Amino acid sequence: MVDDSHAVGFMGKHGRGTPDYHKVIGRIDILTGTLGKALGGASGGYTSGRKEIIELLRQRSRPYLFSNTLAPAIAGASLKVIELLTASTDCGNRLKQTPNSSAKEWQSSALQFCPALIRSCR
């Protein structure tokens, strides 16, 4: 089982996370993650795995499953981000280069701050 909340959308060739980065996708039984962080959603998450495992989790987690609805806009936006990541490596490549190219500028600044980078992938 891998909780990949901080790596999905960033790690791996097409943003498929830590298992993709380490080339062990086929060896992971359960993968969980968030639709926030690098995927840009404000809430929500997922659990993926073989059909039998997911069916078991759906049956055993029903109260939790129905207590946390996902807004349709978040679901739609997350699907679009996954589509963009699957189609191209441009977003991931640009994201990986941005912190390195800006680090020197931030270090030379007299101000101490926590930067938030929000840019279009197109």
PDB file of N, CA and C in Angstrom:
ATOM      1  N   MET A   1       0.847  -1.175   0.000  1.00  0.00           N
ATOM      2  CA  MET A   1       0.000   0.000   0.000  1.00  0.00           C
ATOM      3  C   MET A   1       0.889   1.235   0.000  1.00  0.00           C
ATOM      4  N   VAL A   2       0.544   2.192  -0.848  1.00  0.00           N
ATOM      5  CA  VAL A   2       1.304   3.439  -0.943  1.00  0.00           C
ATOM      6  C   VAL A   2       0.340   4.611  -0.829  1.00  0.00           C
ATOM      7  N   ASP A   3       0.611   5.519   0.109  1.00  0.00           N
ATOM      8  CA  ASP A   3      -0.112   6.785   0.195  1.00  0.00           C
ATOM      9  C   ASP A   3       0.745   7.789  -0.555  1.00  0.00           C
ATOM     10  N   ASP A   4       0.290   8.182  -1.711  1.00  0.00           N
ATOM     11  CA  ASP A   4       1.102   9.004  -2.612  1.00  0.00           C
ATOM     12  C   ASP A   4       0.554  10.421  -2.750  1.00  0.00           C
ATOM     13  N   SER A   5      -0.008  10.949  -1.696  1.00  0.00           N
ATOM     14  CA  SER A   5      -0.648  12.258  -1.750  1.00  0.00           C
ATOM     15  C   SER A   5       0.267  13.384  -2.206  1.00  0.00           C
ATOM     16  N   HIS A   6       1.541  13.305  -1.904  1.00  0.00           N
ATOM     17  CA  HIS A   6       2.434  14.405  -2.238  1.00  0.00           C
ATOM     18  C   HIS A   6       3.204  14.205  -3.539  1.00  0.00           C
ATOM     19  N   ALA A   7       3.063  13.069  -4.181  1.00  0.00           N
ATOM     20  CA  ALA A   7       3.848  12.805  -5.383  1.00  0.00           C
ATOM     21  C   ALA A   7       3.015  12.713  -6.658  1.00  0.00           C
ATOM     22  N   VAL A   8       1.737  12.407  -6.550  1.00  0.00           N
ATOM     23  CA  VAL A   8       0.900  12.285  -7.746  1.00  0.00           C
ATOM     24  C   VAL A   8       0.776  13.654  -8.408  1.00  0.00           C
ATOM     25  N   GLY A   9       0.973  13.663  -9.706  1.00  0.00           N
ATOM     26  CA  GLY A   9       0.938  14.905 -10.471  1.00  0.00           C
ATOM     27  C   GLY A   9       2.316  15.503 -10.656  1.00  0.00           C
ATOM     28  N   PHE A  10       3.300  14.984  -9.925  1.00  0.00           N
ATOM     29  CA  PHE A  10       4.644  15.547  -9.978  1.00  0.00           C
ATOM     30  C   PHE A  10       5.709  14.497 -10.288  1.00  0.00           C
ATOM     31  N   MET A  11       5.726  13.424  -9.542  1.00  0.00           N
ATOM     32  CA  MET A  11       6.740  12.385  -9.718  1.00  0.00           C
ATOM     33  C   MET A  11       6.356  11.451 -10.862  1.00  0.00           C
ATOM     34  N   GLY A  12       7.347  10.885 -11.502  1.00  0.00           N
ATOM     35  CA  GLY A  12       7.102   9.961 -12.603  1.00  0.00           C
ATOM     36  C   GLY A  12       6.981  10.682 -13.925  1.00  0.00           C
ATOM     37  N   LYS A  13       7.134   9.946 -15.000  1.00  0.00           N
ATOM     38  CA  LYS A  13       7.153  10.545 -16.339  1.00  0.00           C
ATOM     39  C   LYS A  13       5.889  11.335 -16.644  1.00  0.00           C
ATOM     40  N   HIS A  14       4.734  10.794 -16.315  1.00  0.00           N
ATOM     41  CA  HIS A  14       3.472  11.477 -16.594  1.00  0.00           C
ATOM     42  C   HIS A  14       2.738  11.836 -15.311  1.00  0.00           C
ATOM     43  N   GLY A  15       3.460  12.060 -14.240  1.00  0.00           N
ATOM     44  CA  GLY A  15       2.835  12.468 -12.985  1.00  0.00           C
ATOM     45  C   GLY A  15       2.071  11.360 -12.289  1.00  0.00           C
ATOM     46  N   ARG A  16       2.413  10.115 -12.558  1.00  0.00           N
ATOM     47  CA  ARG A  16       1.693   8.989 -11.949  1.00  0.00           C
ATOM     48  C   ARG A  16       2.201   8.650 -10.556  1.00  0.00           C
ATOM     49  N   GLY A  17       3.129   9.431 -10.029  1.00  0.00           N
ATOM     50  CA  GLY A  17       3.532   9.286  -8.642  1.00  0.00           C
ATOM     51  C   GLY A  17       4.774   8.444  -8.404  1.00  0.00           C
ATOM     52  N   THR A  18       4.998   8.178  -7.130  1.00  0.00           N
ATOM     53  CA  THR A  18       6.182   7.460  -6.682  1.00  0.00           C
ATOM     54  C   THR A  18       6.327   6.073  -7.317  1.00  0.00           C
ATOM     55  N   PRO A  19       5.246   5.274  -7.429  1.00  0.00           N
ATOM     56  CA  PRO A  19       5.410   3.960  -8.066  1.00  0.00           C
ATOM     57  C   PRO A  19       5.902   4.067  -9.506  1.00  0.00           C
ATOM     58  N   ASP A  20       5.449   5.078 -10.239  1.00  0.00           N
ATOM     59  CA  ASP A  20       5.913   5.277 -11.611  1.00  0.00           C
ATOM     60  C   ASP A  20       7.385   5.700 -11.608  1.00  0.00           C
ATOM     61  N   TYR A  21       7.736   6.601 -10.727  1.00  0.00           N
ATOM     62  CA  TYR A  21       9.109   7.090 -10.622  1.00  0.00           C
ATOM     63  C   TYR A  21      10.081   5.938 -10.340  1.00  0.00           C
ATOM     64  N   HIS A  22       9.681   5.022  -9.458  1.00  0.00           N
ATOM     65  CA  HIS A  22      10.537   3.885  -9.097  1.00  0.00           C
ATOM     66  C   HIS A  22      10.273   2.645  -9.949  1.00  0.00           C
ATOM     67  N   LYS A  23       9.382   2.776 -10.944  1.00  0.00           N
ATOM     68  CA  LYS A  23       9.062   1.689 -11.880  1.00  0.00           C
ATOM     69  C   LYS A  23       8.557   0.426 -11.177  1.00  0.00           C
ATOM     70  N   VAL A  24       7.609   0.620 -10.231  1.00  0.00           N
ATOM     71  CA  VAL A  24       7.026  -0.509  -9.503  1.00  0.00           C
ATOM     72  C   VAL A  24       5.489  -0.470  -9.540  1.00  0.00           C
ATOM     73  N   ILE A  25       4.919   0.179 -10.535  1.00  0.00           N
ATOM     74  CA  ILE A  25       3.462   0.329 -10.592  1.00  0.00           C
ATOM     75  C   ILE A  25       2.747  -1.010 -10.466  1.00  0.00           C
ATOM     76  N   GLY A  26       3.207  -2.028 -11.163  1.00  0.00           N
ATOM     77  CA  GLY A  26       2.563  -3.333 -11.132  1.00  0.00           C
ATOM     78  C   GLY A  26       2.679  -4.069  -9.808  1.00  0.00           C
ATOM     79  N   ARG A  27       3.495  -3.573  -8.889  1.00  0.00           N
ATOM     80  CA  ARG A  27       3.712  -4.241  -7.606  1.00  0.00           C
ATOM     81  C   ARG A  27       2.918  -3.608  -6.467  1.00  0.00           C
ATOM     82  N   ILE A  28       2.151  -2.566  -6.745  1.00  0.00           N
ATOM     83  CA  ILE A  28       1.393  -1.859  -5.709  1.00  0.00           C
ATOM     84  C   ILE A  28      -0.032  -2.416  -5.665  1.00  0.00           C
ATOM     85  N   ASP A  29      -0.466  -2.888  -4.501  1.00  0.00           N
ATOM     86  CA  ASP A  29      -1.824  -3.419  -4.359  1.00  0.00           C
ATOM     87  C   ASP A  29      -2.858  -2.317  -4.157  1.00  0.00           C
ATOM     88  N   ILE A  30      -2.533  -1.330  -3.318  1.00  0.00           N
ATOM     89  CA  ILE A  30      -3.460  -0.233  -3.038  1.00  0.00           C
ATOM     90  C   ILE A  30      -2.685   1.070  -3.124  1.00  0.00           C
ATOM     91  N   LEU A  31      -3.224   2.026  -3.866  1.00  0.00           N
ATOM     92  CA  LEU A  31      -2.610   3.348  -4.012  1.00  0.00           C
ATOM     93  C   LEU A  31      -3.640   4.392  -3.600  1.00  0.00           C
ATOM     94  N   THR A  32      -3.282   5.232  -2.650  1.00  0.00           N
ATOM     95  CA  THR A  32      -4.175   6.315  -2.234  1.00  0.00           C
ATOM     96  C   THR A  32      -3.501   7.645  -2.532  1.00  0.00           C
ATOM     97  N   GLY A  33      -4.320   8.657  -2.715  1.00  0.00           N
ATOM     98  CA  GLY A  33      -3.790   9.980  -2.987  1.00  0.00           C
ATOM     99  C   GLY A  33      -4.861  11.040  -2.802  1.00  0.00           C
ATOM    100  N   THR A  34      -4.471  12.257  -3.024  1.00  0.00           N
ATOM    101  CA  THR A  34      -5.371  13.386  -2.887  1.00  0.00           C
ATOM    102  C   THR A  34      -5.540  14.075  -4.234  1.00  0.00           C
ATOM    103  N   LEU A  35      -6.682  14.713  -4.413  1.00  0.00           N
ATOM    104  CA  LEU A  35      -6.912  15.485  -5.631  1.00  0.00           C
ATOM    105  C   LEU A  35      -6.403  16.916  -5.463  1.00  0.00           C
ATOM    106  N   GLY A  36      -5.886  17.210  -4.288  1.00  0.00           N
ATOM    107  CA  GLY A  36      -5.263  18.508  -4.037  1.00  0.00           C
ATOM    108  C   GLY A  36      -3.799  18.439  -4.416  1.00  0.00           C
ATOM    109  N   LYS A  37      -2.979  19.199  -3.747  1.00  0.00           N
ATOM    110  CA  LYS A  37      -1.533  19.243  -3.983  1.00  0.00           C
ATOM    111  C   LYS A  37      -1.251  19.511  -5.460  1.00  0.00           C
ATOM    112  N   ALA A  38      -0.462  18.666  -6.115  1.00  0.00           N
ATOM    113  CA  ALA A  38      -0.040  18.919  -7.492  1.00  0.00           C
ATOM    114  C   ALA A  38      -1.174  18.811  -8.510  1.00  0.00           C
ATOM    115  N   LEU A  39      -2.256  18.112  -8.165  1.00  0.00           N
ATOM    116  CA  LEU A  39      -3.376  18.030  -9.111  1.00  0.00           C
ATOM    117  C   LEU A  39      -4.260  19.271  -9.058  1.00  0.00           C
ATOM    118  N   GLY A  40      -4.055  20.117  -8.074  1.00  0.00           N
ATOM    119  CA  GLY A  40      -4.725  21.413  -8.051  1.00  0.00           C
ATOM    120  C   GLY A  40      -6.114  21.463  -7.458  1.00  0.00           C
ATOM    121  N   GLY A  41      -6.657  20.354  -7.018  1.00  0.00           N
ATOM    122  CA  GLY A  41      -7.993  20.374  -6.427  1.00  0.00           C
ATOM    123  C   GLY A  41      -7.961  20.913  -5.010  1.00  0.00           C
ATOM    124  N   ALA A  42      -9.078  21.317  -4.518  1.00  0.00           N
ATOM    125  CA  ALA A  42      -9.134  21.863  -3.161  1.00  0.00           C
ATOM    126  C   ALA A  42      -9.513  20.792  -2.145  1.00  0.00           C
ATOM    127  N   SER A  43     -10.063  19.701  -2.607  1.00  0.00           N
ATOM    128  CA  SER A  43     -10.489  18.643  -1.702  1.00  0.00           C
ATOM    129  C   SER A  43     -10.613  17.340  -2.463  1.00  0.00           C
ATOM    130  N   GLY A  44     -10.823  16.280  -1.719  1.00  0.00           N
ATOM    131  CA  GLY A  44     -11.069  14.982  -2.342  1.00  0.00           C
ATOM    132  C   GLY A  44      -9.825  14.132  -2.427  1.00  0.00           C
ATOM    133  N   GLY A  45     -10.061  12.867  -2.636  1.00  0.00           N
ATOM    134  CA  GLY A  45      -8.970  11.926  -2.754  1.00  0.00           C
ATOM    135  C   GLY A  45      -9.452  10.656  -3.424  1.00  0.00           C
ATOM    136  N   TYR A  46      -8.594   9.683  -3.479  1.00  0.00           N
ATOM    137  CA  TYR A  46      -8.951   8.436  -4.153  1.00  0.00           C
ATOM    138  C   TYR A  46      -8.181   7.268  -3.558  1.00  0.00           C
ATOM    139  N   THR A  47      -8.710   6.098  -3.808  1.00  0.00           N
ATOM    140  CA  THR A  47      -8.038   4.833  -3.526  1.00  0.00           C
ATOM    141  C   THR A  47      -8.150   4.006  -4.785  1.00  0.00           C
ATOM    142  N   SER A  48      -7.050   3.479  -5.257  1.00  0.00           N
ATOM    143  CA  SER A  48      -7.091   2.642  -6.454  1.00  0.00           C
ATOM    144  C   SER A  48      -6.417   1.310  -6.175  1.00  0.00           C
ATOM    145  N   GLY A  49      -6.842   0.314  -6.917  1.00  0.00           N
ATOM    146  CA  GLY A  49      -6.300  -1.029  -6.764  1.00  0.00           C
ATOM    147  C   GLY A  49      -7.092  -2.000  -7.617  1.00  0.00           C
ATOM    148  N   ARG A  50      -6.831  -3.277  -7.431  1.00  0.00           N
ATOM    149  CA  ARG A  50      -7.579  -4.302  -8.166  1.00  0.00           C
ATOM    150  C   ARG A  50      -9.058  -4.211  -7.812  1.00  0.00           C
ATOM    151  N   LYS A  51      -9.887  -4.615  -8.731  1.00  0.00           N
ATOM    152  CA  LYS A  51     -11.347  -4.538  -8.562  1.00  0.00           C
ATOM    153  C   LYS A  51     -11.808  -5.185  -7.255  1.00  0.00           C
ATOM    154  N   GLU A  52     -11.267  -6.338  -6.923  1.00  0.00           N
ATOM    155  CA  GLU A  52     -11.685  -7.053  -5.717  1.00  0.00           C
ATOM    156  C   GLU A  52     -11.376  -6.257  -4.447  1.00  0.00           C
ATOM    157  N   ILE A  53     -10.233  -5.610  -4.429  1.00  0.00           N
ATOM    158  CA  ILE A  53      -9.850  -4.811  -3.266  1.00  0.00           C
ATOM    159  C   ILE A  53     -10.765  -3.594  -3.126  1.00  0.00           C
ATOM    160  N   ILE A  54     -11.023  -2.928  -4.224  1.00  0.00           N
ATOM    161  CA  ILE A  54     -11.878  -1.729  -4.193  1.00  0.00           C
ATOM    162  C   ILE A  54     -13.299  -2.095  -3.784  1.00  0.00           C
ATOM    163  N   GLU A  55     -13.812  -3.206  -4.286  1.00  0.00           N
ATOM    164  CA  GLU A  55     -15.155  -3.643  -3.892  1.00  0.00           C
ATOM    165  C   GLU A  55     -15.228  -3.920  -2.389  1.00  0.00           C
ATOM    166  N   LEU A  56     -14.210  -4.569  -1.846  1.00  0.00           N
ATOM    167  CA  LEU A  56     -14.156  -4.832  -0.409  1.00  0.00           C
ATOM    168  C   LEU A  56     -14.142  -3.518   0.378  1.00  0.00           C
ATOM    169  N   LEU A  57     -13.313  -2.580  -0.047  1.00  0.00           N
ATOM    170  CA  LEU A  57     -13.244  -1.283   0.635  1.00  0.00           C
ATOM    171  C   LEU A  57     -14.575  -0.533   0.549  1.00  0.00           C
ATOM    172  N   ARG A  58     -15.242  -0.608  -0.597  1.00  0.00           N
ATOM    173  CA  ARG A  58     -16.559   0.050  -0.732  1.00  0.00           C
ATOM    174  C   ARG A  58     -17.568  -0.525   0.252  1.00  0.00           C
ATOM    175  N   GLN A  59     -17.557  -1.835   0.427  1.00  0.00           N
ATOM    176  CA  GLN A  59     -18.508  -2.465   1.339  1.00  0.00           C
ATOM    177  C   GLN A  59     -18.177  -2.179   2.799  1.00  0.00           C
ATOM    178  N   ARG A  60     -16.905  -2.159   3.152  1.00  0.00           N
ATOM    179  CA  ARG A  60     -16.486  -1.972   4.546  1.00  0.00           C
ATOM    180  C   ARG A  60     -16.420  -0.499   4.966  1.00  0.00           C
ATOM    181  N   SER A  61     -16.385   0.398   4.009  1.00  0.00           N
ATOM    182  CA  SER A  61     -16.208   1.824   4.316  1.00  0.00           C
ATOM    183  C   SER A  61     -17.439   2.664   3.984  1.00  0.00           C
ATOM    184  N   ARG A  62     -18.600   2.061   3.901  1.00  0.00           N
ATOM    185  CA  ARG A  62     -19.795   2.771   3.453  1.00  0.00           C
ATOM    186  C   ARG A  62     -20.114   4.039   4.251  1.00  0.00           C
ATOM    187  N   PRO A  63     -20.085   4.019   5.592  1.00  0.00           N
ATOM    188  CA  PRO A  63     -20.400   5.266   6.309  1.00  0.00           C
ATOM    189  C   PRO A  63     -19.433   6.399   5.953  1.00  0.00           C
ATOM    190  N   TYR A  64     -18.154   6.084   5.831  1.00  0.00           N
ATOM    191  CA  TYR A  64     -17.163   7.090   5.481  1.00  0.00           C
ATOM    192  C   TYR A  64     -17.360   7.547   4.038  1.00  0.00           C
ATOM    193  N   LEU A  65     -17.625   6.608   3.153  1.00  0.00           N
ATOM    194  CA  LEU A  65     -17.791   6.888   1.736  1.00  0.00           C
ATOM    195  C   LEU A  65     -18.903   7.903   1.490  1.00  0.00           C
ATOM    196  N   PHE A  66     -20.021   7.757   2.179  1.00  0.00           N
ATOM    197  CA  PHE A  66     -21.157   8.636   1.946  1.00  0.00           C
ATOM    198  C   PHE A  66     -21.100   9.925   2.767  1.00  0.00           C
ATOM    199  N   SER A  67     -20.162  10.038   3.677  1.00  0.00           N
ATOM    200  CA  SER A  67     -20.075  11.251   4.485  1.00  0.00           C
ATOM    201  C   SER A  67     -19.160  12.298   3.859  1.00  0.00           C
ATOM    202  N   ASN A  68     -18.474  11.959   2.802  1.00  0.00           N
ATOM    203  CA  ASN A  68     -17.497  12.864   2.189  1.00  0.00           C
ATOM    204  C   ASN A  68     -17.738  12.974   0.685  1.00  0.00           C
ATOM    205  N   THR A  69     -18.677  13.811   0.312  1.00  0.00           N
ATOM    206  CA  THR A  69     -18.966  13.952  -1.113  1.00  0.00           C
ATOM    207  C   THR A  69     -17.933  14.840  -1.788  1.00  0.00           C
ATOM    208  N   LEU A  70     -17.765  14.634  -3.063  1.00  0.00           N
ATOM    209  CA  LEU A  70     -16.827  15.397  -3.864  1.00  0.00           C
ATOM    210  C   LEU A  70     -17.619  16.316  -4.784  1.00  0.00           C
ATOM    211  N   ALA A  71     -17.290  17.589  -4.786  1.00  0.00           N
ATOM    212  CA  ALA A  71     -17.982  18.552  -5.646  1.00  0.00           C
ATOM    213  C   ALA A  71     -17.753  18.186  -7.113  1.00  0.00           C
ATOM    214  N   PRO A  72     -18.794  18.253  -7.939  1.00  0.00           N
ATOM    215  CA  PRO A  72     -18.638  17.922  -9.358  1.00  0.00           C
ATOM    216  C   PRO A  72     -17.550  18.734 -10.056  1.00  0.00           C
ATOM    217  N   ALA A  73     -17.388  20.003  -9.695  1.00  0.00           N
ATOM    218  CA  ALA A  73     -16.351  20.829 -10.316  1.00  0.00           C
ATOM    219  C   ALA A  73     -14.951  20.302 -10.002  1.00  0.00           C
ATOM    220  N   ILE A  74     -14.742  19.831  -8.779  1.00  0.00           N
ATOM    221  CA  ILE A  74     -13.441  19.259  -8.394  1.00  0.00           C
ATOM    222  C   ILE A  74     -13.194  17.970  -9.167  1.00  0.00           C
ATOM    223  N   ALA A  75     -14.225  17.137  -9.280  1.00  0.00           N
ATOM    224  CA  ALA A  75     -14.087  15.883 -10.025  1.00  0.00           C
ATOM    225  C   ALA A  75     -13.739  16.173 -11.490  1.00  0.00           C
ATOM    226  N   GLY A  76     -14.454  17.105 -12.097  1.00  0.00           N
ATOM    227  CA  GLY A  76     -14.211  17.447 -13.503  1.00  0.00           C
ATOM    228  C   GLY A  76     -12.830  18.039 -13.723  1.00  0.00           C
ATOM    229  N   ALA A  77     -12.426  18.951 -12.844  1.00  0.00           N
ATOM    230  CA  ALA A  77     -11.104  19.568 -12.966  1.00  0.00           C
ATOM    231  C   ALA A  77      -9.998  18.530 -12.773  1.00  0.00           C
ATOM    232  N   SER A  78     -10.184  17.631 -11.819  1.00  0.00           N
ATOM    233  CA  SER A  78      -9.179  16.594 -11.568  1.00  0.00           C
ATOM    234  C   SER A  78      -9.043  15.664 -12.771  1.00  0.00           C
ATOM    235  N   LEU A  79     -10.151  15.301 -13.385  1.00  0.00           N
ATOM    236  CA  LEU A  79     -10.096  14.465 -14.585  1.00  0.00           C
ATOM    237  C   LEU A  79      -9.349  15.169 -15.712  1.00  0.00           C
ATOM    238  N   LYS A  80      -9.578  16.484 -15.867  1.00  0.00           N
ATOM    239  CA  LYS A  80      -8.893  17.253 -16.907  1.00  0.00           C
ATOM    240  C   LYS A  80      -7.390  17.321 -16.637  1.00  0.00           C
ATOM    241  N   VAL A  81      -6.996  17.524 -15.380  1.00  0.00           N
ATOM    242  CA  VAL A  81      -5.573  17.569 -15.036  1.00  0.00           C
ATOM    243  C   VAL A  81      -4.921  16.224 -15.347  1.00  0.00           C
ATOM    244  N   ILE A  82      -5.582  15.137 -14.990  1.00  0.00           N
ATOM    245  CA  ILE A  82      -5.043  13.802 -15.282  1.00  0.00           C
ATOM    246  C   ILE A  82      -4.921  13.603 -16.788  1.00  0.00           C
ATOM    247  N   GLU A  83      -5.895  14.077 -17.537  1.00  0.00           N
ATOM    248  CA  GLU A  83      -5.837  14.004 -19.006  1.00  0.00           C
ATOM    249  C   GLU A  83      -4.625  14.778 -19.537  1.00  0.00           C
ATOM    250  N   LEU A  84      -4.392  15.987 -19.025  1.00  0.00           N
ATOM    251  CA  LEU A  84      -3.249  16.794 -19.461  1.00  0.00           C
ATOM    252  C   LEU A  84      -1.922  16.121 -19.112  1.00  0.00           C
ATOM    253  N   LEU A  85      -1.838  15.569 -17.910  1.00  0.00           N
ATOM    254  CA  LEU A  85      -0.604  14.899 -17.493  1.00  0.00           C
ATOM    255  C   LEU A  85      -0.328  13.655 -18.329  1.00  0.00           C
ATOM    256  N   THR A  86      -1.381  12.944 -18.696  1.00  0.00           N
ATOM    257  CA  THR A  86      -1.224  11.729 -19.496  1.00  0.00           C
ATOM    258  C   THR A  86      -0.789  12.047 -20.922  1.00  0.00           C
ATOM    259  N   ALA A  87      -1.281  13.160 -21.453  1.00  0.00           N
ATOM    260  CA  ALA A  87      -1.010  13.524 -22.838  1.00  0.00           C
ATOM    261  C   ALA A  87       0.393  14.079 -23.067  1.00  0.00           C
ATOM    262  N   SER A  88       0.999  14.660 -22.050  1.00  0.00           N
ATOM    263  CA  SER A  88       2.277  15.335 -22.253  1.00  0.00           C
ATOM    264  C   SER A  88       3.090  15.354 -20.959  1.00  0.00           C
ATOM    265  N   THR A  89       4.390  15.503 -21.105  1.00  0.00           N
ATOM    266  CA  THR A  89       5.263  15.651 -19.933  1.00  0.00           C
ATOM    267  C   THR A  89       5.623  17.115 -19.687  1.00  0.00           C
ATOM    268  N   ASP A  90       5.062  18.040 -20.470  1.00  0.00           N
ATOM    269  CA  ASP A  90       5.414  19.456 -20.369  1.00  0.00           C
ATOM    270  C   ASP A  90       5.167  20.048 -18.984  1.00  0.00           C
ATOM    271  N   CYS A  91       4.002  19.779 -18.407  1.00  0.00           N
ATOM    272  CA  CYS A  91       3.680  20.359 -17.092  1.00  0.00           C
ATOM    273  C   CYS A  91       4.653  19.885 -16.032  1.00  0.00           C
ATOM    274  N   GLY A  92       4.914  18.601 -15.978  1.00  0.00           N
ATOM    275  CA  GLY A  92       5.839  18.064 -14.989  1.00  0.00           C
ATOM    276  C   GLY A  92       7.248  18.580 -15.184  1.00  0.00           C
ATOM    277  N   ASN A  93       7.686  18.662 -16.438  1.00  0.00           N
ATOM    278  CA  ASN A  93       9.032  19.174 -16.718  1.00  0.00           C
ATOM    279  C   ASN A  93       9.158  20.628 -16.277  1.00  0.00           C
ATOM    280  N   ARG A  94       8.155  21.435 -16.583  1.00  0.00           N
ATOM    281  CA  ARG A  94       8.187  22.848 -16.208  1.00  0.00           C
ATOM    282  C   ARG A  94       8.142  23.018 -14.692  1.00  0.00           C
ATOM    283  N   LEU A  95       7.321  22.210 -14.039  1.00  0.00           N
ATOM    284  CA  LEU A  95       7.215  22.284 -12.586  1.00  0.00           C
ATOM    285  C   LEU A  95       8.537  21.924 -11.917  1.00  0.00           C
ATOM    286  N   LYS A  96       9.221  20.924 -12.449  1.00  0.00           N
ATOM    287  CA  LYS A  96      10.493  20.500 -11.874  1.00  0.00           C
ATOM    288  C   LYS A  96      11.589  21.555 -12.078  1.00  0.00           C
ATOM    289  N   GLN A  97      11.508  22.328 -13.155  1.00  0.00           N
ATOM    290  CA  GLN A  97      12.516  23.345 -13.430  1.00  0.00           C
ATOM    291  C   GLN A  97      12.266  24.642 -12.669  1.00  0.00           C
ATOM    292  N   THR A  98      11.030  24.970 -12.402  1.00  0.00           N
ATOM    293  CA  THR A  98      10.685  26.260 -11.801  1.00  0.00           C
ATOM    294  C   THR A  98      11.340  26.511 -10.453  1.00  0.00           C
ATOM    295  N   PRO A  99      11.252  25.600  -9.484  1.00  0.00           N
ATOM    296  CA  PRO A  99      11.893  25.889  -8.190  1.00  0.00           C
ATOM    297  C   PRO A  99      13.399  26.097  -8.313  1.00  0.00           C
ATOM    298  N   ASN A 100      14.057  25.321  -9.168  1.00  0.00           N
ATOM    299  CA  ASN A 100      15.503  25.454  -9.317  1.00  0.00           C
ATOM    300  C   ASN A 100      15.888  26.785  -9.948  1.00  0.00           C
ATOM    301  N   SER A 101      15.120  27.236 -10.928  1.00  0.00           N
ATOM    302  CA  SER A 101      15.464  28.478 -11.597  1.00  0.00           C
ATOM    303  C   SER A 101      15.192  29.692 -10.721  1.00  0.00           C
ATOM    304  N   SER A 102      14.268  29.586  -9.795  1.00  0.00           N
ATOM    305  CA  SER A 102      13.919  30.717  -8.943  1.00  0.00           C
ATOM    306  C   SER A 102      14.635  30.701  -7.599  1.00  0.00           C
ATOM    307  N   ALA A 103      15.244  29.599  -7.224  1.00  0.00           N
ATOM    308  CA  ALA A 103      15.848  29.476  -5.902  1.00  0.00           C
ATOM    309  C   ALA A 103      16.914  30.535  -5.657  1.00  0.00           C
ATOM    310  N   LYS A 104      17.754  30.797  -6.645  1.00  0.00           N
ATOM    311  CA  LYS A 104      18.817  31.791  -6.476  1.00  0.00           C
ATOM    312  C   LYS A 104      18.227  33.174  -6.240  1.00  0.00           C
ATOM    313  N   GLU A 105      17.153  33.509  -6.975  1.00  0.00           N
ATOM    314  CA  GLU A 105      16.509  34.807  -6.787  1.00  0.00           C
ATOM    315  C   GLU A 105      15.942  34.924  -5.380  1.00  0.00           C
ATOM    316  N   TRP A 106      15.314  33.873  -4.879  1.00  0.00           N
ATOM    317  CA  TRP A 106      14.723  33.910  -3.544  1.00  0.00           C
ATOM    318  C   TRP A 106      15.802  33.999  -2.469  1.00  0.00           C
ATOM    319  N   GLN A 107      16.894  33.272  -2.657  1.00  0.00           N
ATOM    320  CA  GLN A 107      17.962  33.287  -1.669  1.00  0.00           C
ATOM    321  C   GLN A 107      18.635  34.648  -1.578  1.00  0.00           C
ATOM    322  N   SER A 108      18.705  35.362  -2.696  1.00  0.00           N
ATOM    323  CA  SER A 108      19.350  36.667  -2.682  1.00  0.00           C
ATOM    324  C   SER A 108      18.415  37.771  -2.185  1.00  0.00           C
ATOM    325  N   SER A 109      17.159  37.461  -2.035  1.00  0.00           N
ATOM    326  CA  SER A 109      16.194  38.448  -1.564  1.00  0.00           C
ATOM    327  C   SER A 109      16.393  38.717  -0.082  1.00  0.00           C
ATOM    328  N   ALA A 110      16.218  39.979   0.304  1.00  0.00           N
ATOM    329  CA  ALA A 110      16.327  40.340   1.720  1.00  0.00           C
ATOM    330  C   ALA A 110      15.105  39.865   2.499  1.00  0.00           C
ATOM    331  N   LEU A 111      14.021  39.589   1.808  1.00  0.00           N
ATOM    332  CA  LEU A 111      12.791  39.142   2.457  1.00  0.00           C
ATOM    333  C   LEU A 111      12.765  37.630   2.564  1.00  0.00           C
ATOM    334  N   GLN A 112      12.218  37.137   3.634  1.00  0.00           N
ATOM    335  CA  GLN A 112      11.998  35.705   3.797  1.00  0.00           C
ATOM    336  C   GLN A 112      10.525  35.446   3.547  1.00  0.00           C
ATOM    337  N   PHE A 113      10.201  34.561   2.625  1.00  0.00           N
ATOM    338  CA  PHE A 113       8.815  34.258   2.336  1.00  0.00           C
ATOM    339  C   PHE A 113       8.686  32.841   1.816  1.00  0.00           C
ATOM    340  N   CYS A 114       7.463  32.371   1.798  1.00  0.00           N
ATOM    341  CA  CYS A 114       7.165  31.034   1.285  1.00  0.00           C
ATOM    342  C   CYS A 114       6.464  31.221  -0.056  1.00  0.00           C
ATOM    343  N   PRO A 115       7.122  30.962  -1.162  1.00  0.00           N
ATOM    344  CA  PRO A 115       6.530  31.219  -2.477  1.00  0.00           C
ATOM    345  C   PRO A 115       5.454  30.210  -2.861  1.00  0.00           C
ATOM    346  N   ALA A 116       4.468  30.680  -3.565  1.00  0.00           N
ATOM    347  CA  ALA A 116       3.439  29.820  -4.146  1.00  0.00           C
ATOM    348  C   ALA A 116       3.454  30.075  -5.637  1.00  0.00           C
ATOM    349  N   LEU A 117       3.760  29.052  -6.413  1.00  0.00           N
ATOM    350  CA  LEU A 117       3.854  29.203  -7.861  1.00  0.00           C
ATOM    351  C   LEU A 117       2.602  28.660  -8.527  1.00  0.00           C
ATOM    352  N   ILE A 118       1.900  29.532  -9.192  1.00  0.00           N
ATOM    353  CA  ILE A 118       0.696  29.124  -9.904  1.00  0.00           C
ATOM    354  C   ILE A 118       0.851  29.592 -11.340  1.00  0.00           C
ATOM    355  N   ARG A 119       1.000  28.639 -12.246  1.00  0.00           N
ATOM    356  CA  ARG A 119       1.191  28.969 -13.647  1.00  0.00           C
ATOM    357  C   ARG A 119       0.393  28.031 -14.521  1.00  0.00           C
ATOM    358  N   SER A 120       0.077  28.492 -15.688  1.00  0.00           N
ATOM    359  CA  SER A 120      -0.632  27.666 -16.662  1.00  0.00           C
ATOM    360  C   SER A 120       0.340  26.676 -17.278  1.00  0.00           C
ATOM    361  N   CYS A 121      -0.137  25.496 -17.571  1.00  0.00           N
ATOM    362  CA  CYS A 121       0.695  24.489 -18.231  1.00  0.00           C
ATOM    363  C   CYS A 121       0.651  24.636 -19.739  1.00  0.00           C
ATOM    364  N   ARG A 122      -0.099  25.564 -20.232  1.00  0.00           N
ATOM    365  CA  ARG A 122      -0.202  25.741 -21.689  1.00  0.00           C
ATOM    366  C   ARG A 122       0.527  26.949 -22.154  1.00  0.00           C
TER     367      ARG A 122
END
